[in-house]
Amino acid sequence: MTVKIAIELDDTHREFADKMVADGFYPSVSSVIQAGIEQMMQNDATPTDALAGMADEIRRRMELPRDQWIPLEGDTLFGDLRALIRAKKAERQNEL
């Protein structure tokens, strides 16, 4: 079911919507707006899952014993990380 509503767009948004219609990407300005709302709905659903997964992983790593933490100093952080990555790559190549 569709419902008619009136909205206000500033000049920039109206020009962009008109251009999308003129370029053949959408059949109408209403379609442009609907596509934008659909994108926002998808974006609204996705980040929560990804962020929850990252939060769980961070919590899991924080619960590791201190001796399993990788010590990194602020001044040498990037050099230390590069060395760790090189060591991991070498381990994997040796396993093959």
PDB file of N, CA and C in Angstrom:
ATOM      1  N   MET A   1       0.837  -1.168   0.000  1.00  0.00           N
ATOM      2  CA  MET A   1       0.000   0.000   0.000  1.00  0.00           C
ATOM      3  C   MET A   1       0.893   1.245   0.000  1.00  0.00           C
ATOM      4  N   THR A   2       0.556   2.200  -0.813  1.00  0.00           N
ATOM      5  CA  THR A   2       1.286   3.461  -0.831  1.00  0.00           C
ATOM      6  C   THR A   2       0.400   4.556  -0.257  1.00  0.00           C
ATOM      7  N   VAL A   3       1.061   5.528   0.345  1.00  0.00           N
ATOM      8  CA  VAL A   3       0.365   6.650   0.955  1.00  0.00           C
ATOM      9  C   VAL A   3       0.981   7.927   0.413  1.00  0.00           C
ATOM     10  N   LYS A   4       0.152   8.859   0.023  1.00  0.00           N
ATOM     11  CA  LYS A   4       0.660  10.142  -0.464  1.00  0.00           C
ATOM     12  C   LYS A   4       0.933  11.051   0.728  1.00  0.00           C
ATOM     13  N   ILE A   5       2.130  11.666   0.707  1.00  0.00           N
ATOM     14  CA  ILE A   5       2.472  12.658   1.720  1.00  0.00           C
ATOM     15  C   ILE A   5       3.172  13.815   1.016  1.00  0.00           C
ATOM     16  N   ALA A   6       3.211  14.936   1.673  1.00  0.00           N
ATOM     17  CA  ALA A   6       3.942  16.087   1.138  1.00  0.00           C
ATOM     18  C   ALA A   6       5.223  16.244   1.949  1.00  0.00           C
ATOM     19  N   ILE A   7       6.325  16.464   1.258  1.00  0.00           N
ATOM     20  CA  ILE A   7       7.604  16.695   1.937  1.00  0.00           C
ATOM     21  C   ILE A   7       8.239  17.947   1.356  1.00  0.00           C
ATOM     22  N   GLU A   8       9.191  18.484   2.093  1.00  0.00           N
ATOM     23  CA  GLU A   8       9.944  19.630   1.605  1.00  0.00           C
ATOM     24  C   GLU A   8      11.392  19.213   1.415  1.00  0.00           C
ATOM     25  N   LEU A   9      11.964  19.586   0.287  1.00  0.00           N
ATOM     26  CA  LEU A   9      13.374  19.324  -0.002  1.00  0.00           C
ATOM     27  C   LEU A   9      14.068  20.651  -0.234  1.00  0.00           C
ATOM     28  N   ASP A  10      15.313  20.733   0.239  1.00  0.00           N
ATOM     29  CA  ASP A  10      16.057  21.949  -0.107  1.00  0.00           C
ATOM     30  C   ASP A  10      16.496  21.846  -1.565  1.00  0.00           C
ATOM     31  N   ASP A  11      17.000  22.929  -2.115  1.00  0.00           N
ATOM     32  CA  ASP A  11      17.345  22.974  -3.543  1.00  0.00           C
ATOM     33  C   ASP A  11      18.347  21.890  -3.930  1.00  0.00           C
ATOM     34  N   THR A  12      19.345  21.669  -3.084  1.00  0.00           N
ATOM     35  CA  THR A  12      20.386  20.682  -3.394  1.00  0.00           C
ATOM     36  C   THR A  12      19.794  19.285  -3.516  1.00  0.00           C
ATOM     37  N   HIS A  13      18.941  18.914  -2.558  1.00  0.00           N
ATOM     38  CA  HIS A  13      18.348  17.580  -2.593  1.00  0.00           C
ATOM     39  C   HIS A  13      17.386  17.430  -3.768  1.00  0.00           C
ATOM     40  N   ARG A  14      16.619  18.452  -4.036  1.00  0.00           N
ATOM     41  CA  ARG A  14      15.677  18.387  -5.163  1.00  0.00           C
ATOM     42  C   ARG A  14      16.426  18.269  -6.490  1.00  0.00           C
ATOM     43  N   GLU A  15      17.508  19.048  -6.651  1.00  0.00           N
ATOM     44  CA  GLU A  15      18.300  18.980  -7.882  1.00  0.00           C
ATOM     45  C   GLU A  15      18.912  17.590  -8.056  1.00  0.00           C
ATOM     46  N   PHE A  16      19.404  17.031  -6.969  1.00  0.00           N
ATOM     47  CA  PHE A  16      19.997  15.701  -7.048  1.00  0.00           C
ATOM     48  C   PHE A  16      18.936  14.674  -7.446  1.00  0.00           C
ATOM     49  N   ALA A  17      17.778  14.719  -6.795  1.00  0.00           N
ATOM     50  CA  ALA A  17      16.699  13.770  -7.113  1.00  0.00           C
ATOM     51  C   ALA A  17      16.266  13.927  -8.567  1.00  0.00           C
ATOM     52  N   ASP A  18      16.122  15.169  -9.020  1.00  0.00           N
ATOM     53  CA  ASP A  18      15.744  15.406 -10.415  1.00  0.00           C
ATOM     54  C   ASP A  18      16.787  14.846 -11.376  1.00  0.00           C
ATOM     55  N   LYS A  19      18.058  14.991 -11.029  1.00  0.00           N
ATOM     56  CA  LYS A  19      19.140  14.483 -11.880  1.00  0.00           C
ATOM     57  C   LYS A  19      19.104  12.958 -11.941  1.00  0.00           C
ATOM     58  N   MET A  20      18.826  12.310 -10.806  1.00  0.00           N
ATOM     59  CA  MET A  20      18.743  10.847 -10.797  1.00  0.00           C
ATOM     60  C   MET A  20      17.605  10.365 -11.711  1.00  0.00           C
ATOM     61  N   VAL A  21      16.508  11.101 -11.724  1.00  0.00           N
ATOM     62  CA  VAL A  21      15.384  10.759 -12.604  1.00  0.00           C
ATOM     63  C   VAL A  21      15.764  11.038 -14.055  1.00  0.00           C
ATOM     64  N   ALA A  22      16.350  12.209 -14.322  1.00  0.00           N
ATOM     65  CA  ALA A  22      16.725  12.584 -15.691  1.00  0.00           C
ATOM     66  C   ALA A  22      17.763  11.622 -16.273  1.00  0.00           C
ATOM     67  N   ASP A  23      18.666  11.130 -15.420  1.00  0.00           N
ATOM     68  CA  ASP A  23      19.695  10.197 -15.877  1.00  0.00           C
ATOM     69  C   ASP A  23      19.165   8.767 -16.027  1.00  0.00           C
ATOM     70  N   GLY A  24      17.906   8.556 -15.661  1.00  0.00           N
ATOM     71  CA  GLY A  24      17.292   7.254 -15.847  1.00  0.00           C
ATOM     72  C   GLY A  24      17.518   6.243 -14.736  1.00  0.00           C
ATOM     73  N   PHE A  25      18.059   6.691 -13.621  1.00  0.00           N
ATOM     74  CA  PHE A  25      18.288   5.763 -12.515  1.00  0.00           C
ATOM     75  C   PHE A  25      16.993   5.423 -11.784  1.00  0.00           C
ATOM     76  N   TYR A  26      16.060   6.367 -11.746  1.00  0.00           N
ATOM     77  CA  TYR A  26      14.782   6.178 -11.066  1.00  0.00           C
ATOM     78  C   TYR A  26      13.674   6.749 -11.947  1.00  0.00           C
ATOM     79  N   PRO A  27      12.475   6.187 -11.845  1.00  0.00           N
ATOM     80  CA  PRO A  27      11.375   6.683 -12.673  1.00  0.00           C
ATOM     81  C   PRO A  27      10.739   7.965 -12.140  1.00  0.00           C
ATOM     82  N   SER A  28      10.960   8.264 -10.837  1.00  0.00           N
ATOM     83  CA  SER A  28      10.330   9.455 -10.260  1.00  0.00           C
ATOM     84  C   SER A  28      11.111   9.905  -9.023  1.00  0.00           C
ATOM     85  N   VAL A  29      10.833  11.123  -8.608  1.00  0.00           N
ATOM     86  CA  VAL A  29      11.453  11.640  -7.385  1.00  0.00           C
ATOM     87  C   VAL A  29      11.000  10.802  -6.189  1.00  0.00           C
ATOM     88  N   SER A  30       9.756  10.365  -6.199  1.00  0.00           N
ATOM     89  CA  SER A  30       9.262   9.502  -5.118  1.00  0.00           C
ATOM     90  C   SER A  30      10.111   8.230  -5.013  1.00  0.00           C
ATOM     91  N   SER A  31      10.488   7.678  -6.154  1.00  0.00           N
ATOM     92  CA  SER A  31      11.322   6.472  -6.155  1.00  0.00           C
ATOM     93  C   SER A  31      12.702   6.744  -5.570  1.00  0.00           C
ATOM     94  N   VAL A  32      13.244   7.916  -5.847  1.00  0.00           N
ATOM     95  CA  VAL A  32      14.548   8.294  -5.287  1.00  0.00           C
ATOM     96  C   VAL A  32      14.449   8.339  -3.767  1.00  0.00           C
ATOM     97  N   ILE A  33      13.411   8.960  -3.270  1.00  0.00           N
ATOM     98  CA  ILE A  33      13.231   9.086  -1.822  1.00  0.00           C
ATOM     99  C   ILE A  33      12.984   7.716  -1.189  1.00  0.00           C
ATOM    100  N   GLN A  34      12.176   6.881  -1.834  1.00  0.00           N
ATOM    101  CA  GLN A  34      11.940   5.536  -1.319  1.00  0.00           C
ATOM    102  C   GLN A  34      13.233   4.727  -1.256  1.00  0.00           C
ATOM    103  N   ALA A  35      14.064   4.859  -2.280  1.00  0.00           N
ATOM    104  CA  ALA A  35      15.349   4.139  -2.293  1.00  0.00           C
ATOM    105  C   ALA A  35      16.233   4.614  -1.145  1.00  0.00           C
ATOM    106  N   GLY A  36      16.221   5.917  -0.884  1.00  0.00           N
ATOM    107  CA  GLY A  36      17.008   6.444   0.231  1.00  0.00           C
ATOM    108  C   GLY A  36      16.526   5.903   1.563  1.00  0.00           C
ATOM    109  N   ILE A  37      15.221   5.823   1.737  1.00  0.00           N
ATOM    110  CA  ILE A  37      14.667   5.283   2.983  1.00  0.00           C
ATOM    111  C   ILE A  37      14.990   3.800   3.112  1.00  0.00           C
ATOM    112  N   GLU A  38      14.899   3.054   2.007  1.00  0.00           N
ATOM    113  CA  GLU A  38      15.261   1.629   2.037  1.00  0.00           C
ATOM    114  C   GLU A  38      16.707   1.446   2.475  1.00  0.00           C
ATOM    115  N   GLN A  39      17.594   2.284   1.933  1.00  0.00           N
ATOM    116  CA  GLN A  39      19.011   2.191   2.306  1.00  0.00           C
ATOM    117  C   GLN A  39      19.204   2.468   3.792  1.00  0.00           C
ATOM    118  N   MET A  40      18.506   3.459   4.309  1.00  0.00           N
ATOM    119  CA  MET A  40      18.606   3.760   5.735  1.00  0.00           C
ATOM    120  C   MET A  40      18.080   2.605   6.580  1.00  0.00           C
ATOM    121  N   MET A  41      17.020   1.956   6.119  1.00  0.00           N
ATOM    122  CA  MET A  41      16.474   0.808   6.850  1.00  0.00           C
ATOM    123  C   MET A  41      17.479  -0.341   6.889  1.00  0.00           C
ATOM    124  N   GLN A  42      18.157  -0.586   5.774  1.00  0.00           N
ATOM    125  CA  GLN A  42      19.178  -1.639   5.740  1.00  0.00           C
ATOM    126  C   GLN A  42      20.355  -1.279   6.631  1.00  0.00           C
ATOM    127  N   ASN A  43      20.796  -0.031   6.567  1.00  0.00           N
ATOM    128  CA  ASN A  43      21.915   0.409   7.398  1.00  0.00           C
ATOM    129  C   ASN A  43      21.574   0.336   8.876  1.00  0.00           C
ATOM    130  N   ASP A  44      20.334   0.603   9.196  1.00  0.00           N
ATOM    131  CA  ASP A  44      19.907   0.587  10.586  1.00  0.00           C
ATOM    132  C   ASP A  44      19.958  -0.824  11.159  1.00  0.00           C
ATOM    133  N   ALA A  45      19.680  -1.826  10.345  1.00  0.00           N
ATOM    134  CA  ALA A  45      19.668  -3.209  10.815  1.00  0.00           C
ATOM    135  C   ALA A  45      21.060  -3.818  10.879  1.00  0.00           C
ATOM    136  N   THR A  46      21.947  -3.441   9.997  1.00  0.00           N
ATOM    137  CA  THR A  46      23.250  -4.090   9.873  1.00  0.00           C
ATOM    138  C   THR A  46      24.255  -3.755  10.973  1.00  0.00           C
ATOM    139  N   PRO A  47      24.496  -2.468  11.287  1.00  0.00           N
ATOM    140  CA  PRO A  47      25.578  -2.163  12.222  1.00  0.00           C
ATOM    141  C   PRO A  47      25.438  -2.812  13.584  1.00  0.00           C
ATOM    142  N   THR A  48      24.225  -2.986  14.067  1.00  0.00           N
ATOM    143  CA  THR A  48      24.038  -3.555  15.387  1.00  0.00           C
ATOM    144  C   THR A  48      24.672  -4.931  15.478  1.00  0.00           C
ATOM    145  N   ASP A  49      24.448  -5.767  14.472  1.00  0.00           N
ATOM    146  CA  ASP A  49      25.006  -7.109  14.490  1.00  0.00           C
ATOM    147  C   ASP A  49      26.525  -7.085  14.437  1.00  0.00           C
ATOM    148  N   ALA A  50      27.071  -6.270  13.556  1.00  0.00           N
ATOM    149  CA  ALA A  50      28.530  -6.192  13.426  1.00  0.00           C
ATOM    150  C   ALA A  50      29.156  -5.636  14.696  1.00  0.00           C
ATOM    151  N   LEU A  51      28.565  -4.596  15.248  1.00  0.00           N
ATOM    152  CA  LEU A  51      29.111  -4.002  16.466  1.00  0.00           C
ATOM    153  C   LEU A  51      29.006  -4.954  17.648  1.00  0.00           C
ATOM    154  N   ALA A  52      27.919  -5.685  17.726  1.00  0.00           N
ATOM    155  CA  ALA A  52      27.772  -6.652  18.811  1.00  0.00           C
ATOM    156  C   ALA A  52      28.836  -7.739  18.698  1.00  0.00           C
ATOM    157  N   GLY A  53      29.099  -8.195  17.479  1.00  0.00           N
ATOM    158  CA  GLY A  53      30.129  -9.202  17.275  1.00  0.00           C
ATOM    159  C   GLY A  53      31.513  -8.694  17.662  1.00  0.00           C
ATOM    160  N   MET A  54      31.814  -7.451  17.283  1.00  0.00           N
ATOM    161  CA  MET A  54      33.118  -6.885  17.647  1.00  0.00           C
ATOM    162  C   MET A  54      33.215  -6.713  19.160  1.00  0.00           C
ATOM    163  N   ALA A  55      32.136  -6.271  19.799  1.00  0.00           N
ATOM    164  CA  ALA A  55      32.150  -6.092  21.251  1.00  0.00           C
ATOM    165  C   ALA A  55      32.388  -7.428  21.946  1.00  0.00           C
ATOM    166  N   ASP A  56      31.752  -8.491  21.464  1.00  0.00           N
ATOM    167  CA  ASP A  56      31.953  -9.824  22.040  1.00  0.00           C
ATOM    168  C   ASP A  56      33.403 -10.267  21.907  1.00  0.00           C
ATOM    169  N   GLU A  57      34.003 -10.011  20.737  1.00  0.00           N
ATOM    170  CA  GLU A  57      35.399 -10.398  20.520  1.00  0.00           C
ATOM    171  C   GLU A  57      36.335  -9.606  21.414  1.00  0.00           C
ATOM    172  N   ILE A  58      36.071  -8.328  21.578  1.00  0.00           N
ATOM    173  CA  ILE A  58      36.905  -7.503  22.466  1.00  0.00           C
ATOM    174  C   ILE A  58      36.797  -8.011  23.898  1.00  0.00           C
ATOM    175  N   ARG A  59      35.578  -8.323  24.345  1.00  0.00           N
ATOM    176  CA  ARG A  59      35.407  -8.857  25.701  1.00  0.00           C
ATOM    177  C   ARG A  59      36.160 -10.178  25.863  1.00  0.00           C
ATOM    178  N   ARG A  60      36.064 -11.038  24.850  1.00  0.00           N
ATOM    179  CA  ARG A  60      36.753 -12.327  24.928  1.00  0.00           C
ATOM    180  C   ARG A  60      38.262 -12.133  25.062  1.00  0.00           C
ATOM    181  N   ARG A  61      38.795 -11.219  24.262  1.00  0.00           N
ATOM    182  CA  ARG A  61      40.242 -10.978  24.315  1.00  0.00           C
ATOM    183  C   ARG A  61      40.660 -10.332  25.626  1.00  0.00           C
ATOM    184  N   MET A  62      39.807  -9.488  26.186  1.00  0.00           N
ATOM    185  CA  MET A  62      40.130  -8.843  27.463  1.00  0.00           C
ATOM    186  C   MET A  62      40.177  -9.852  28.609  1.00  0.00           C
ATOM    187  N   GLU A  63      39.477 -10.973  28.453  1.00  0.00           N
ATOM    188  CA  GLU A  63      39.451 -11.998  29.495  1.00  0.00           C
ATOM    189  C   GLU A  63      40.656 -12.938  29.423  1.00  0.00           C
ATOM    190  N   LEU A  64      41.464 -12.814  28.378  1.00  0.00           N
ATOM    191  CA  LEU A  64      42.660 -13.648  28.284  1.00  0.00           C
ATOM    192  C   LEU A  64      43.620 -13.303  29.423  1.00  0.00           C
ATOM    193  N   PRO A  65      44.402 -14.292  29.884  1.00  0.00           N
ATOM    194  CA  PRO A  65      45.409 -13.994  30.908  1.00  0.00           C
ATOM    195  C   PRO A  65      46.429 -12.981  30.375  1.00  0.00           C
ATOM    196  N   ARG A  66      46.959 -12.166  31.263  1.00  0.00           N
ATOM    197  CA  ARG A  66      47.888 -11.101  30.863  1.00  0.00           C
ATOM    198  C   ARG A  66      49.093 -11.628  30.088  1.00  0.00           C
ATOM    199  N   ASP A  67      49.545 -12.829  30.382  1.00  0.00           N
ATOM    200  CA  ASP A  67      50.718 -13.346  29.677  1.00  0.00           C
ATOM    201  C   ASP A  67      50.428 -13.654  28.209  1.00  0.00           C
ATOM    202  N   GLN A  68      49.162 -13.664  27.809  1.00  0.00           N
ATOM    203  CA  GLN A  68      48.805 -13.886  26.414  1.00  0.00           C
ATOM    204  C   GLN A  68      48.584 -12.573  25.663  1.00  0.00           C
ATOM    205  N   TRP A  69      48.656 -11.465  26.357  1.00  0.00           N
ATOM    206  CA  TRP A  69      48.502 -10.166  25.716  1.00  0.00           C
ATOM    207  C   TRP A  69      49.790  -9.839  24.976  1.00  0.00           C
ATOM    208  N   ILE A  70      49.686  -9.082  23.917  1.00  0.00           N
ATOM    209  CA  ILE A  70      50.851  -8.677  23.143  1.00  0.00           C
ATOM    210  C   ILE A  70      51.266  -7.289  23.629  1.00  0.00           C
ATOM    211  N   PRO A  71      52.457  -7.184  24.209  1.00  0.00           N
ATOM    212  CA  PRO A  71      52.890  -5.867  24.701  1.00  0.00           C
ATOM    213  C   PRO A  71      53.281  -4.956  23.529  1.00  0.00           C
ATOM    214  N   LEU A  72      52.697  -3.788  23.497  1.00  0.00           N
ATOM    215  CA  LEU A  72      52.990  -2.823  22.445  1.00  0.00           C
ATOM    216  C   LEU A  72      53.208  -1.456  23.082  1.00  0.00           C
ATOM    217  N   GLU A  73      54.287  -0.818  22.723  1.00  0.00           N
ATOM    218  CA  GLU A  73      54.596   0.510  23.232  1.00  0.00           C
ATOM    219  C   GLU A  73      54.126   1.557  22.232  1.00  0.00           C
ATOM    220  N   GLY A  74      53.687   2.696  22.713  1.00  0.00           N
ATOM    221  CA  GLY A  74      53.172   3.749  21.844  1.00  0.00           C
ATOM    222  C   GLY A  74      54.171   4.232  20.810  1.00  0.00           C
ATOM    223  N   ASP A  75      55.438   4.392  21.196  1.00  0.00           N
ATOM    224  CA  ASP A  75      56.446   4.932  20.278  1.00  0.00           C
ATOM    225  C   ASP A  75      56.815   3.949  19.172  1.00  0.00           C
ATOM    226  N   THR A  76      56.708   2.674  19.457  1.00  0.00           N
ATOM    227  CA  THR A  76      57.120   1.658  18.486  1.00  0.00           C
ATOM    228  C   THR A  76      55.951   0.801  18.010  1.00  0.00           C
ATOM    229  N   LEU A  77      54.741   1.258  18.246  1.00  0.00           N
ATOM    230  CA  LEU A  77      53.543   0.475  17.972  1.00  0.00           C
ATOM    231  C   LEU A  77      53.515  -0.086  16.555  1.00  0.00           C
ATOM    232  N   PHE A  78      53.659   0.762  15.548  1.00  0.00           N
ATOM    233  CA  PHE A  78      53.537   0.293  14.170  1.00  0.00           C
ATOM    234  C   PHE A  78      54.674  -0.634  13.775  1.00  0.00           C
ATOM    235  N   GLY A  79      55.866  -0.345  14.215  1.00  0.00           N
ATOM    236  CA  GLY A  79      56.988  -1.240  13.941  1.00  0.00           C
ATOM    237  C   GLY A  79      56.789  -2.594  14.596  1.00  0.00           C
ATOM    238  N   ASP A  80      56.288  -2.588  15.839  1.00  0.00           N
ATOM    239  CA  ASP A  80      56.012  -3.843  16.538  1.00  0.00           C
ATOM    240  C   ASP A  80      54.949  -4.657  15.812  1.00  0.00           C
ATOM    241  N   LEU A  81      53.888  -3.979  15.369  1.00  0.00           N
ATOM    242  CA  LEU A  81      52.826  -4.675  14.644  1.00  0.00           C
ATOM    243  C   LEU A  81      53.329  -5.266  13.335  1.00  0.00           C
ATOM    244  N   ARG A  82      54.148  -4.506  12.611  1.00  0.00           N
ATOM    245  CA  ARG A  82      54.712  -5.034  11.359  1.00  0.00           C
ATOM    246  C   ARG A  82      55.553  -6.273  11.619  1.00  0.00           C
ATOM    247  N   ALA A  83      56.341  -6.252  12.688  1.00  0.00           N
ATOM    248  CA  ALA A  83      57.178  -7.401  13.031  1.00  0.00           C
ATOM    249  C   ALA A  83      56.317  -8.615  13.386  1.00  0.00           C
ATOM    250  N   LEU A  84      55.229  -8.391  14.126  1.00  0.00           N
ATOM    251  CA  LEU A  84      54.328  -9.495  14.462  1.00  0.00           C
ATOM    252  C   LEU A  84      53.690 -10.095  13.213  1.00  0.00           C
ATOM    253  N   ILE A  85      53.284  -9.244  12.293  1.00  0.00           N
ATOM    254  CA  ILE A  85      52.670  -9.722  11.047  1.00  0.00           C
ATOM    255  C   ILE A  85      53.672 -10.522  10.232  1.00  0.00           C
ATOM    256  N   ARG A  86      54.914 -10.010  10.132  1.00  0.00           N
ATOM    257  CA  ARG A  86      55.948 -10.753   9.401  1.00  0.00           C
ATOM    258  C   ARG A  86      56.199 -12.118  10.040  1.00  0.00           C
ATOM    259  N   ALA A  87      56.228 -12.172  11.367  1.00  0.00           N
ATOM    260  CA  ALA A  87      56.462 -13.435  12.069  1.00  0.00           C
ATOM    261  C   ALA A  87      55.320 -14.414  11.811  1.00  0.00           C
ATOM    262  N   LYS A  88      54.089 -13.927  11.835  1.00  0.00           N
ATOM    263  CA  LYS A  88      52.932 -14.791  11.566  1.00  0.00           C
ATOM    264  C   LYS A  88      52.978 -15.334  10.140  1.00  0.00           C
ATOM    265  N   LYS A  89      53.331 -14.469   9.176  1.00  0.00           N
ATOM    266  CA  LYS A  89      53.435 -14.917   7.786  1.00  0.00           C
ATOM    267  C   LYS A  89      54.508 -15.985   7.647  1.00  0.00           C
ATOM    268  N   ALA A  90      55.635 -15.788   8.308  1.00  0.00           N
ATOM    269  CA  ALA A  90      56.728 -16.767   8.246  1.00  0.00           C
ATOM    270  C   ALA A  90      56.286 -18.097   8.849  1.00  0.00           C
ATOM    271  N   GLU A  91      55.538 -18.043   9.962  1.00  0.00           N
ATOM    272  CA  GLU A  91      55.022 -19.285  10.584  1.00  0.00           C
ATOM    273  C   GLU A  91      54.129 -20.031   9.612  1.00  0.00           C
ATOM    274  N   ARG A  92      53.235 -19.314   8.954  1.00  0.00           N
ATOM    275  CA  ARG A  92      52.308 -19.945   8.019  1.00  0.00           C
ATOM    276  C   ARG A  92      53.043 -20.556   6.818  1.00  0.00           C
ATOM    277  N   GLN A  93      54.067 -19.870   6.335  1.00  0.00           N
ATOM    278  CA  GLN A  93      54.828 -20.402   5.205  1.00  0.00           C
ATOM    279  C   GLN A  93      55.592 -21.649   5.620  1.00  0.00           C
ATOM    280  N   ASN A  94      56.103 -21.665   6.843  1.00  0.00           N
ATOM    281  CA  ASN A  94      56.833 -22.838   7.330  1.00  0.00           C
ATOM    282  C   ASN A  94      55.910 -24.032   7.524  1.00  0.00           C
ATOM    283  N   GLU A  95      54.635 -23.760   7.833  1.00  0.00           N
ATOM    284  CA  GLU A  95      53.658 -24.839   8.028  1.00  0.00           C
ATOM    285  C   GLU A  95      53.316 -25.499   6.686  1.00  0.00           C
ATOM    286  N   LEU A  96      53.397 -24.750   5.607  1.00  0.00           N
ATOM    287  CA  LEU A  96      53.055 -25.296   4.299  1.00  0.00           C
ATOM    288  C   LEU A  96      54.184 -26.149   3.835  1.00  0.00           C
TER     289      LEU A  96
END
